[in-house]
All heavy atoms as atom14 arrays in JSON, in Angstrom:
{
  "sequence": "INHGSNSSINVIYSGTMSAAVEAGTEGIPAIGFSLLDYSLNADFKPT",
  "atom14_mask": [
    [1, 1, 1, 1, 1, 1, 1, 1, 0, 0, 0, 0, 0, 0],
    [1, 1, 1, 1, 1, 1, 1, 1, 0, 0, 0, 0, 0, 0],
    [1, 1, 1, 1, 1, 1, 1, 1, 1, 1, 0, 0, 0, 0],
    [1, 1, 1, 1, 0, 0, 0, 0, 0, 0, 0, 0, 0, 0],
    [1, 1, 1, 1, 1, 1, 0, 0, 0, 0, 0, 0, 0, 0],
    [1, 1, 1, 1, 1, 1, 1, 1, 0, 0, 0, 0, 0, 0],
    [1, 1, 1, 1, 1, 1, 0, 0, 0, 0, 0, 0, 0, 0],
    [1, 1, 1, 1, 1, 1, 0, 0, 0, 0, 0, 0, 0, 0],
    [1, 1, 1, 1, 1, 1, 1, 1, 0, 0, 0, 0, 0, 0],
    [1, 1, 1, 1, 1, 1, 1, 1, 0, 0, 0, 0, 0, 0],
    [1, 1, 1, 1, 1, 1, 1, 0, 0, 0, 0, 0, 0, 0],
    [1, 1, 1, 1, 1, 1, 1, 1, 0, 0, 0, 0, 0, 0],
    [1, 1, 1, 1, 1, 1, 1, 1, 1, 1, 1, 1, 0, 0],
    [1, 1, 1, 1, 1, 1, 0, 0, 0, 0, 0, 0, 0, 0],
    [1, 1, 1, 1, 0, 0, 0, 0, 0, 0, 0, 0, 0, 0],
    [1, 1, 1, 1, 1, 1, 1, 0, 0, 0, 0, 0, 0, 0],
    [1, 1, 1, 1, 1, 1, 1, 1, 0, 0, 0, 0, 0, 0],
    [1, 1, 1, 1, 1, 1, 0, 0, 0, 0, 0, 0, 0, 0],
    [1, 1, 1, 1, 1, 0, 0, 0, 0, 0, 0, 0, 0, 0],
    [1, 1, 1, 1, 1, 0, 0, 0, 0, 0, 0, 0, 0, 0],
    [1, 1, 1, 1, 1, 1, 1, 0, 0, 0, 0, 0, 0, 0],
    [1, 1, 1, 1, 1, 1, 1, 1, 1, 0, 0, 0, 0, 0],
    [1, 1, 1, 1, 1, 0, 0, 0, 0, 0, 0, 0, 0, 0],
    [1, 1, 1, 1, 0, 0, 0, 0, 0, 0, 0, 0, 0, 0],
    [1, 1, 1, 1, 1, 1, 1, 0, 0, 0, 0, 0, 0, 0],
    [1, 1, 1, 1, 1, 1, 1, 1, 1, 0, 0, 0, 0, 0],
    [1, 1, 1, 1, 0, 0, 0, 0, 0, 0, 0, 0, 0, 0],
    [1, 1, 1, 1, 1, 1, 1, 1, 0, 0, 0, 0, 0, 0],
    [1, 1, 1, 1, 1, 1, 1, 0, 0, 0, 0, 0, 0, 0],
    [1, 1, 1, 1, 1, 0, 0, 0, 0, 0, 0, 0, 0, 0],
    [1, 1, 1, 1, 1, 1, 1, 1, 0, 0, 0, 0, 0, 0],
    [1, 1, 1, 1, 0, 0, 0, 0, 0, 0, 0, 0, 0, 0],
    [1, 1, 1, 1, 1, 1, 1, 1, 1, 1, 1, 0, 0, 0],
    [1, 1, 1, 1, 1, 1, 0, 0, 0, 0, 0, 0, 0, 0],
    [1, 1, 1, 1, 1, 1, 1, 1, 0, 0, 0, 0, 0, 0],
    [1, 1, 1, 1, 1, 1, 1, 1, 0, 0, 0, 0, 0, 0],
    [1, 1, 1, 1, 1, 1, 1, 1, 0, 0, 0, 0, 0, 0],
    [1, 1, 1, 1, 1, 1, 1, 1, 1, 1, 1, 1, 0, 0],
    [1, 1, 1, 1, 1, 1, 0, 0, 0, 0, 0, 0, 0, 0],
    [1, 1, 1, 1, 1, 1, 1, 1, 0, 0, 0, 0, 0, 0],
    [1, 1, 1, 1, 1, 1, 1, 1, 0, 0, 0, 0, 0, 0],
    [1, 1, 1, 1, 1, 0, 0, 0, 0, 0, 0, 0, 0, 0],
    [1, 1, 1, 1, 1, 1, 1, 1, 0, 0, 0, 0, 0, 0],
    [1, 1, 1, 1, 1, 1, 1, 1, 1, 1, 1, 0, 0, 0],
    [1, 1, 1, 1, 1, 1, 1, 1, 1, 0, 0, 0, 0, 0],
    [1, 1, 1, 1, 1, 1, 1, 0, 0, 0, 0, 0, 0, 0],
    [1, 1, 1, 1, 1, 1, 1, 0, 0, 0, 0, 0, 0, 0]
  ],
  "atom14_positions": [
    [[-12.57, 8.42, 3.33], [-13.72, 8.27, 4.21], [-13.25, 7.5, 5.45], [-12.71, 6.4, 5.32], [-14.87, 7.54, 3.53], [-15.3, 8.27, 2.26], [-16.06, 7.36, 4.48], [-16.25, 7.47, 1.38], [0.0, 0.0, 0.0], [0.0, 0.0, 0.0], [0.0, 0.0, 0.0], [0.0, 0.0, 0.0], [0.0, 0.0, 0.0], [0.0, 0.0, 0.0]],
    [[-13.44, 8.09, 6.62], [-12.91, 7.51, 7.84], [-13.66, 6.25, 8.26], [-14.86, 6.13, 8.08], [-13.01, 8.55, 8.98], [-12.28, 8.1, 10.22], [-11.07, 7.93, 10.19], [-13.0, 7.92, 11.31], [0.0, 0.0, 0.0], [0.0, 0.0, 0.0], [0.0, 0.0, 0.0], [0.0, 0.0, 0.0], [0.0, 0.0, 0.0], [0.0, 0.0, 0.0]],
    [[-12.92, 5.31, 8.84], [-13.53, 4.13, 9.45], [-13.97, 4.52, 10.86], [-13.15, 4.59, 11.78], [-12.53, 2.98, 9.55], [-12.2, 2.35, 8.25], [-12.72, 1.15, 7.84], [-11.38, 2.74, 7.25], [-12.24, 0.82, 6.66], [-11.44, 1.78, 6.27], [0.0, 0.0, 0.0], [0.0, 0.0, 0.0], [0.0, 0.0, 0.0], [0.0, 0.0, 0.0]],
    [[-15.24, 4.81, 11.08], [-15.73, 5.16, 12.4], [-16.21, 6.6, 12.49], [-15.88, 7.45, 11.66], [0.0, 0.0, 0.0], [0.0, 0.0, 0.0], [0.0, 0.0, 0.0], [0.0, 0.0, 0.0], [0.0, 0.0, 0.0], [0.0, 0.0, 0.0], [0.0, 0.0, 0.0], [0.0, 0.0, 0.0], [0.0, 0.0, 0.0], [0.0, 0.0, 0.0]],
    [[-16.97, 6.87, 13.53], [-17.63, 8.16, 13.7], [-16.67, 9.29, 14.04], [-15.71, 9.11, 14.79], [-18.66, 8.05, 14.82], [-19.19, 9.32, 15.15], [0.0, 0.0, 0.0], [0.0, 0.0, 0.0], [0.0, 0.0, 0.0], [0.0, 0.0, 0.0], [0.0, 0.0, 0.0], [0.0, 0.0, 0.0], [0.0, 0.0, 0.0], [0.0, 0.0, 0.0]],
    [[-16.97, 10.46, 13.49], [-16.33, 11.71, 13.9], [-17.4, 12.73, 14.25], [-17.21, 13.93, 14.06], [-15.39, 12.24, 12.81], [-14.04, 11.55, 12.86], [-13.48, 11.34, 13.93], [-13.52, 11.19, 11.7], [0.0, 0.0, 0.0], [0.0, 0.0, 0.0], [0.0, 0.0, 0.0], [0.0, 0.0, 0.0], [0.0, 0.0, 0.0], [0.0, 0.0, 0.0]],
    [[-18.52, 12.26, 14.77], [-19.6, 13.14, 15.18], [-19.35, 13.68, 16.58], [-18.48, 13.21, 17.31], [-20.94, 12.39, 15.15], [-20.88, 11.28, 16.03], [0.0, 0.0, 0.0], [0.0, 0.0, 0.0], [0.0, 0.0, 0.0], [0.0, 0.0, 0.0], [0.0, 0.0, 0.0], [0.0, 0.0, 0.0], [0.0, 0.0, 0.0], [0.0, 0.0, 0.0]],
    [[-20.09, 14.71, 16.94], [-20.06, 15.28, 18.27], [-18.64, 15.61, 18.73], [-17.84, 16.14, 17.96], [-20.76, 14.33, 19.24], [-20.86, 14.89, 20.53], [0.0, 0.0, 0.0], [0.0, 0.0, 0.0], [0.0, 0.0, 0.0], [0.0, 0.0, 0.0], [0.0, 0.0, 0.0], [0.0, 0.0, 0.0], [0.0, 0.0, 0.0], [0.0, 0.0, 0.0]],
    [[-18.29, 15.26, 19.98], [-16.99, 15.6, 20.58], [-15.82, 14.96, 19.83], [-14.69, 15.44, 19.88], [-16.96, 15.15, 22.06], [-15.71, 15.66, 22.78], [-17.03, 13.64, 22.17], [-15.84, 16.97, 23.43], [0.0, 0.0, 0.0], [0.0, 0.0, 0.0], [0.0, 0.0, 0.0], [0.0, 0.0, 0.0], [0.0, 0.0, 0.0], [0.0, 0.0, 0.0]],
    [[-16.09, 13.89, 19.07], [-15.03, 13.18, 18.37], [-14.31, 14.06, 17.36], [-13.17, 13.77, 16.98], [-15.6, 11.95, 17.66], [-16.19, 10.96, 18.63], [-15.53, 10.48, 19.55], [-17.48, 10.65, 18.45], [0.0, 0.0, 0.0], [0.0, 0.0, 0.0], [0.0, 0.0, 0.0], [0.0, 0.0, 0.0], [0.0, 0.0, 0.0], [0.0, 0.0, 0.0]],
    [[-14.95, 15.13, 16.93], [-14.35, 15.99, 15.92], [-13.02, 16.59, 16.39], [-12.11, 16.83, 15.59], [-15.35, 17.11, 15.5], [-15.57, 18.1, 16.63], [-14.87, 17.83, 14.26], [0.0, 0.0, 0.0], [0.0, 0.0, 0.0], [0.0, 0.0, 0.0], [0.0, 0.0, 0.0], [0.0, 0.0, 0.0], [0.0, 0.0, 0.0], [0.0, 0.0, 0.0]],
    [[-12.88, 16.82, 17.71], [-11.66, 17.47, 18.18], [-10.46, 16.52, 18.23], [-9.33, 16.96, 18.28], [-11.85, 18.16, 19.55], [-12.07, 17.13, 20.66], [-12.97, 19.16, 19.5], [-12.07, 17.73, 22.05], [0.0, 0.0, 0.0], [0.0, 0.0, 0.0], [0.0, 0.0, 0.0], [0.0, 0.0, 0.0], [0.0, 0.0, 0.0], [0.0, 0.0, 0.0]],
    [[-10.73, 15.21, 18.25], [-9.65, 14.22, 18.27], [-9.29, 13.73, 16.88], [-8.25, 13.11, 16.66], [-10.05, 13.01, 19.12], [-10.47, 13.33, 20.52], [-11.8, 13.21, 20.93], [-9.54, 13.78, 21.46], [-12.19, 13.51, 22.23], [-9.92, 14.07, 22.75], [-11.25, 13.94, 23.13], [-11.63, 14.24, 24.41], [0.0, 0.0, 0.0], [0.0, 0.0, 0.0]],
    [[-10.15, 14.0, 15.93], [-10.08, 13.37, 14.62], [-8.97, 13.87, 13.72], [-8.87, 15.06, 13.43], [-11.43, 13.6, 13.91], [-11.34, 13.28, 12.54], [0.0, 0.0, 0.0], [0.0, 0.0, 0.0], [0.0, 0.0, 0.0], [0.0, 0.0, 0.0], [0.0, 0.0, 0.0], [0.0, 0.0, 0.0], [0.0, 0.0, 0.0], [0.0, 0.0, 0.0]],
    [[-8.15, 12.95, 13.23], [-7.17, 13.3, 12.22], [-7.85, 13.6, 10.89], [-7.4, 14.47, 10.12], [0.0, 0.0, 0.0], [0.0, 0.0, 0.0], [0.0, 0.0, 0.0], [0.0, 0.0, 0.0], [0.0, 0.0, 0.0], [0.0, 0.0, 0.0], [0.0, 0.0, 0.0], [0.0, 0.0, 0.0], [0.0, 0.0, 0.0], [0.0, 0.0, 0.0]],
    [[-8.92, 12.89, 10.6], [-9.69, 13.13, 9.37], [-10.16, 14.58, 9.31], [-9.96, 15.28, 8.32], [-10.92, 12.2, 9.31], [-10.49, 10.85, 9.32], [-11.76, 12.48, 8.08], [0.0, 0.0, 0.0], [0.0, 0.0, 0.0], [0.0, 0.0, 0.0], [0.0, 0.0, 0.0], [0.0, 0.0, 0.0], [0.0, 0.0, 0.0], [0.0, 0.0, 0.0]],
    [[-10.8, 15.03, 10.38], [-11.32, 16.39, 10.39], [-10.2, 17.43, 10.51], [-10.32, 18.54, 9.99], [-12.33, 16.56, 11.52], [-13.71, 16.03, 11.17], [-14.37, 16.73, 9.63], [-14.44, 18.46, 10.05], [0.0, 0.0, 0.0], [0.0, 0.0, 0.0], [0.0, 0.0, 0.0], [0.0, 0.0, 0.0], [0.0, 0.0, 0.0], [0.0, 0.0, 0.0]],
    [[-9.12, 17.1, 11.18], [-8.02, 18.05, 11.29], [-7.39, 18.33, 9.94], [-6.93, 19.45, 9.68], [-6.97, 17.54, 12.28], [-7.47, 17.6, 13.6], [0.0, 0.0, 0.0], [0.0, 0.0, 0.0], [0.0, 0.0, 0.0], [0.0, 0.0, 0.0], [0.0, 0.0, 0.0], [0.0, 0.0, 0.0], [0.0, 0.0, 0.0], [0.0, 0.0, 0.0]],
    [[-7.35, 17.33, 9.07], [-6.86, 17.57, 7.71], [-7.77, 18.56, 6.99], [-7.3, 19.49, 6.32], [-6.8, 16.26, 6.94], [0.0, 0.0, 0.0], [0.0, 0.0, 0.0], [0.0, 0.0, 0.0], [0.0, 0.0, 0.0], [0.0, 0.0, 0.0], [0.0, 0.0, 0.0], [0.0, 0.0, 0.0], [0.0, 0.0, 0.0], [0.0, 0.0, 0.0]],
    [[-9.08, 18.39, 7.14], [-10.03, 19.32, 6.52], [-9.89, 20.71, 7.12], [-9.89, 21.72, 6.4], [-11.46, 18.8, 6.7], [0.0, 0.0, 0.0], [0.0, 0.0, 0.0], [0.0, 0.0, 0.0], [0.0, 0.0, 0.0], [0.0, 0.0, 0.0], [0.0, 0.0, 0.0], [0.0, 0.0, 0.0], [0.0, 0.0, 0.0], [0.0, 0.0, 0.0]],
    [[-9.75, 20.78, 8.44], [-9.59, 22.09, 9.1], [-8.3, 22.77, 8.65], [-8.28, 23.99, 8.43], [-9.61, 21.91, 10.63], [-9.19, 23.19, 11.33], [-11.02, 21.51, 11.09], [0.0, 0.0, 0.0], [0.0, 0.0, 0.0], [0.0, 0.0, 0.0], [0.0, 0.0, 0.0], [0.0, 0.0, 0.0], [0.0, 0.0, 0.0], [0.0, 0.0, 0.0]],
    [[-7.23, 22.0, 8.51], [-5.97, 22.58, 8.03], [-6.16, 23.2, 6.65], [-5.68, 24.31, 6.39], [-4.89, 21.51, 7.97], [-3.54, 21.98, 7.43], [-2.91, 23.09, 8.26], [-3.06, 23.09, 9.49], [-2.26, 23.97, 7.65], [0.0, 0.0, 0.0], [0.0, 0.0, 0.0], [0.0, 0.0, 0.0], [0.0, 0.0, 0.0], [0.0, 0.0, 0.0]],
    [[-6.88, 22.51, 5.78], [-7.17, 23.09, 4.46], [-7.98, 24.37, 4.61], [-7.72, 25.37, 3.92], [-7.91, 22.07, 3.6], [0.0, 0.0, 0.0], [0.0, 0.0, 0.0], [0.0, 0.0, 0.0], [0.0, 0.0, 0.0], [0.0, 0.0, 0.0], [0.0, 0.0, 0.0], [0.0, 0.0, 0.0], [0.0, 0.0, 0.0], [0.0, 0.0, 0.0]],
    [[-8.94, 24.34, 5.52], [-9.76, 25.53, 5.74], [-8.95, 26.73, 6.19], [-9.23, 27.86, 5.79], [0.0, 0.0, 0.0], [0.0, 0.0, 0.0], [0.0, 0.0, 0.0], [0.0, 0.0, 0.0], [0.0, 0.0, 0.0], [0.0, 0.0, 0.0], [0.0, 0.0, 0.0], [0.0, 0.0, 0.0], [0.0, 0.0, 0.0], [0.0, 0.0, 0.0]],
    [[-7.94, 26.5, 7.03], [-7.1, 27.61, 7.48], [-6.32, 28.22, 6.33], [-5.88, 29.37, 6.41], [-6.1, 27.16, 8.57], [-5.15, 26.24, 8.01], [-6.81, 26.53, 9.75], [0.0, 0.0, 0.0], [0.0, 0.0, 0.0], [0.0, 0.0, 0.0], [0.0, 0.0, 0.0], [0.0, 0.0, 0.0], [0.0, 0.0, 0.0], [0.0, 0.0, 0.0]],
    [[-6.13, 27.46, 5.26], [-5.42, 27.95, 4.08], [-6.37, 28.5, 3.03], [-5.97, 28.77, 1.9], [-4.56, 26.82, 3.49], [-3.5, 26.31, 4.47], [-2.61, 25.25, 3.86], [-2.44, 25.24, 2.62], [-2.07, 24.42, 4.61], [0.0, 0.0, 0.0], [0.0, 0.0, 0.0], [0.0, 0.0, 0.0], [0.0, 0.0, 0.0], [0.0, 0.0, 0.0]],
    [[-7.64, 28.65, 3.4], [-8.62, 29.24, 2.49], [-9.15, 28.28, 1.45], [-9.7, 28.7, 0.43], [0.0, 0.0, 0.0], [0.0, 0.0, 0.0], [0.0, 0.0, 0.0], [0.0, 0.0, 0.0], [0.0, 0.0, 0.0], [0.0, 0.0, 0.0], [0.0, 0.0, 0.0], [0.0, 0.0, 0.0], [0.0, 0.0, 0.0], [0.0, 0.0, 0.0]],
    [[-9.04, 26.98, 1.7], [-9.5, 25.95, 0.76], [-10.81, 25.36, 1.29], [-10.85, 24.88, 2.43], [-8.45, 24.84, 0.62], [-7.12, 25.41, 0.14], [-8.95, 23.75, -0.33], [-5.94, 24.46, 0.33], [0.0, 0.0, 0.0], [0.0, 0.0, 0.0], [0.0, 0.0, 0.0], [0.0, 0.0, 0.0], [0.0, 0.0, 0.0], [0.0, 0.0, 0.0]],
    [[-11.89, 25.36, 0.53], [-13.09, 24.68, 0.96], [-12.77, 23.21, 1.25], [-12.02, 22.57, 0.49], [-14.04, 24.81, -0.24], [-13.53, 26.0, -0.99], [-12.04, 25.99, -0.8], [0.0, 0.0, 0.0], [0.0, 0.0, 0.0], [0.0, 0.0, 0.0], [0.0, 0.0, 0.0], [0.0, 0.0, 0.0], [0.0, 0.0, 0.0], [0.0, 0.0, 0.0]],
    [[-13.32, 22.67, 2.33], [-12.93, 21.33, 2.73], [-14.07, 20.58, 3.38], [-14.94, 21.17, 4.03], [-11.72, 21.4, 3.68], [0.0, 0.0, 0.0], [0.0, 0.0, 0.0], [0.0, 0.0, 0.0], [0.0, 0.0, 0.0], [0.0, 0.0, 0.0], [0.0, 0.0, 0.0], [0.0, 0.0, 0.0], [0.0, 0.0, 0.0], [0.0, 0.0, 0.0]],
    [[-14.02, 19.24, 3.24], [-15.03, 18.36, 3.8], [-14.33, 17.14, 4.4], [-13.45, 16.56, 3.75], [-16.03, 17.85, 2.75], [-16.5, 18.98, 1.81], [-17.23, 17.18, 3.41], [-17.24, 18.48, 0.58], [0.0, 0.0, 0.0], [0.0, 0.0, 0.0], [0.0, 0.0, 0.0], [0.0, 0.0, 0.0], [0.0, 0.0, 0.0], [0.0, 0.0, 0.0]],
    [[-14.74, 16.75, 5.6], [-14.31, 15.48, 6.17], [-15.46, 14.5, 6.14], [-16.57, 14.83, 6.56], [0.0, 0.0, 0.0], [0.0, 0.0, 0.0], [0.0, 0.0, 0.0], [0.0, 0.0, 0.0], [0.0, 0.0, 0.0], [0.0, 0.0, 0.0], [0.0, 0.0, 0.0], [0.0, 0.0, 0.0], [0.0, 0.0, 0.0], [0.0, 0.0, 0.0]],
    [[-15.22, 13.28, 5.63], [-16.26, 12.25, 5.54], [-15.91, 11.09, 6.46], [-14.76, 10.63, 6.48], [-16.37, 11.72, 4.11], [-16.91, 12.7, 3.11], [-16.05, 13.38, 2.25], [-18.27, 12.95, 3.02], [-16.54, 14.29, 1.32], [-18.76, 13.85, 2.08], [-17.91, 14.52, 1.22], [0.0, 0.0, 0.0], [0.0, 0.0, 0.0], [0.0, 0.0, 0.0]],
    [[-16.92, 10.58, 7.17], [-16.72, 9.44, 8.07], [-17.93, 8.5, 7.98], [-19.07, 8.95, 7.9], [-16.56, 9.9, 9.52], [-15.48, 10.8, 9.65], [0.0, 0.0, 0.0], [0.0, 0.0, 0.0], [0.0, 0.0, 0.0], [0.0, 0.0, 0.0], [0.0, 0.0, 0.0], [0.0, 0.0, 0.0], [0.0, 0.0, 0.0], [0.0, 0.0, 0.0]],
    [[-17.63, 7.2, 8.02], [-18.67, 6.17, 8.03], [-18.7, 5.5, 9.39], [-17.66, 5.14, 9.94], [-18.37, 5.12, 6.94], [-19.27, 3.88, 6.93], [-20.71, 4.25, 6.59], [-18.74, 2.84, 5.94], [0.0, 0.0, 0.0], [0.0, 0.0, 0.0], [0.0, 0.0, 0.0], [0.0, 0.0, 0.0], [0.0, 0.0, 0.0], [0.0, 0.0, 0.0]],
    [[-19.89, 5.31, 9.95], [-20.02, 4.74, 11.29], [-19.81, 3.23, 11.27], [-20.68, 2.44, 11.65], [-21.39, 5.09, 11.88], [-21.47, 6.44, 12.61], [-21.21, 7.6, 11.66], [-22.81, 6.59, 13.28], [0.0, 0.0, 0.0], [0.0, 0.0, 0.0], [0.0, 0.0, 0.0], [0.0, 0.0, 0.0], [0.0, 0.0, 0.0], [0.0, 0.0, 0.0]],
    [[-18.64, 2.83, 10.81], [-18.28, 1.41, 10.76], [-16.77, 1.3, 10.93], [-16.01, 1.78, 10.08], [-18.72, 0.79, 9.43], [-18.6, -0.72, 9.42], [-17.88, -1.27, 10.27], [-19.22, -1.35, 8.54], [0.0, 0.0, 0.0], [0.0, 0.0, 0.0], [0.0, 0.0, 0.0], [0.0, 0.0, 0.0], [0.0, 0.0, 0.0], [0.0, 0.0, 0.0]],
    [[-16.34, 0.69, 12.03], [-14.91, 0.59, 12.33], [-14.25, -0.63, 11.67], [-13.04, -0.78, 11.73], [-14.7, 0.51, 13.85], [-15.0, 1.8, 14.56], [-16.26, 2.05, 15.1], [-14.04, 2.79, 14.69], [-16.55, 3.24, 15.75], [-14.31, 3.99, 15.34], [-15.56, 4.2, 15.87], [-15.84, 5.39, 16.5], [0.0, 0.0, 0.0], [0.0, 0.0, 0.0]],
    [[-15.04, -1.48, 11.05], [-14.51, -2.71, 10.48], [-13.62, -2.43, 9.27], [-13.92, -1.57, 8.44], [-15.67, -3.63, 10.05], [-15.19, -4.71, 9.3], [0.0, 0.0, 0.0], [0.0, 0.0, 0.0], [0.0, 0.0, 0.0], [0.0, 0.0, 0.0], [0.0, 0.0, 0.0], [0.0, 0.0, 0.0], [0.0, 0.0, 0.0], [0.0, 0.0, 0.0]],
    [[-12.54, -3.18, 9.16], [-11.69, -3.07, 7.97], [-12.43, -3.57, 6.73], [-12.04, -3.26, 5.61], [-10.4, -3.87, 8.16], [-9.38, -3.27, 9.13], [-8.18, -4.21, 9.3], [-8.89, -1.9, 8.64], [0.0, 0.0, 0.0], [0.0, 0.0, 0.0], [0.0, 0.0, 0.0], [0.0, 0.0, 0.0], [0.0, 0.0, 0.0], [0.0, 0.0, 0.0]],
    [[-13.49, -4.33, 6.93], [-14.31, -4.82, 5.82], [-15.56, -3.98, 5.61], [-16.53, -4.44, 5.01], [-14.7, -6.28, 6.09], [-13.5, -7.19, 6.19], [-12.58, -7.12, 5.37], [-13.48, -8.05, 7.2], [0.0, 0.0, 0.0], [0.0, 0.0, 0.0], [0.0, 0.0, 0.0], [0.0, 0.0, 0.0], [0.0, 0.0, 0.0], [0.0, 0.0, 0.0]],
    [[-15.54, -2.75, 6.1], [-16.7, -1.87, 5.97], [-17.09, -1.7, 4.5], [-16.23, -1.63, 3.61], [-16.38, -0.51, 6.59], [0.0, 0.0, 0.0], [0.0, 0.0, 0.0], [0.0, 0.0, 0.0], [0.0, 0.0, 0.0], [0.0, 0.0, 0.0], [0.0, 0.0, 0.0], [0.0, 0.0, 0.0], [0.0, 0.0, 0.0], [0.0, 0.0, 0.0]],
    [[-18.38, -1.61, 4.26], [-18.9, -1.42, 2.91], [-19.11, 0.07, 2.66], [-20.01, 0.68, 3.21], [-20.22, -2.18, 2.76], [-20.79, -2.08, 1.35], [-20.09, -1.56, 0.45], [-21.94, -2.52, 1.15], [0.0, 0.0, 0.0], [0.0, 0.0, 0.0], [0.0, 0.0, 0.0], [0.0, 0.0, 0.0], [0.0, 0.0, 0.0], [0.0, 0.0, 0.0]],
    [[-18.27, 0.63, 1.8], [-18.34, 2.06, 1.51], [-19.23, 2.38, 0.3], [-19.47, 3.54, 0.02], [-16.94, 2.62, 1.27], [-16.11, 2.71, 2.53], [-15.29, 1.67, 2.92], [-16.18, 3.83, 3.34], [-14.54, 1.74, 4.08], [-15.44, 3.91, 4.52], [-14.61, 2.86, 4.88], [0.0, 0.0, 0.0], [0.0, 0.0, 0.0], [0.0, 0.0, 0.0]],
    [[-19.71, 1.37, -0.39], [-20.51, 1.63, -1.59], [-21.74, 2.48, -1.32], [-22.06, 3.38, -2.1], [-20.9, 0.3, -2.24], [-19.74, -0.44, -2.87], [-20.19, -1.76, -3.49], [-19.01, -2.54, -4.06], [-19.43, -3.85, -4.61], [0.0, 0.0, 0.0], [0.0, 0.0, 0.0], [0.0, 0.0, 0.0], [0.0, 0.0, 0.0], [0.0, 0.0, 0.0]],
    [[-22.48, 2.24, -0.22], [-23.67, 3.07, 0.03], [-23.37, 4.55, 0.26], [-24.27, 5.38, 0.19], [-24.28, 2.44, 1.29], [-23.77, 1.03, 1.3], [-22.39, 1.12, 0.74], [0.0, 0.0, 0.0], [0.0, 0.0, 0.0], [0.0, 0.0, 0.0], [0.0, 0.0, 0.0], [0.0, 0.0, 0.0], [0.0, 0.0, 0.0], [0.0, 0.0, 0.0]],
    [[-22.11, 4.89, 0.54], [-21.76, 6.29, 0.81], [-21.58, 7.1, -0.46], [-21.67, 8.33, -0.43], [-20.46, 6.38, 1.63], [-19.33, 5.98, 0.81], [-20.5, 5.51, 2.86], [0.0, 0.0, 0.0], [0.0, 0.0, 0.0], [0.0, 0.0, 0.0], [0.0, 0.0, 0.0], [0.0, 0.0, 0.0], [0.0, 0.0, 0.0], [0.0, 0.0, 0.0]]
  ]
}
């Protein structure tokens, strides 16, 4: 789960989403997950 947003235009810069897209090109269903919190202490439990 990425630290920070990959919404809107950010998707084209995102390494998180590019990994998912790479899987998609190989015929593998794929999902990229991102949390809108850039902190290293981000709380991922609610996700």
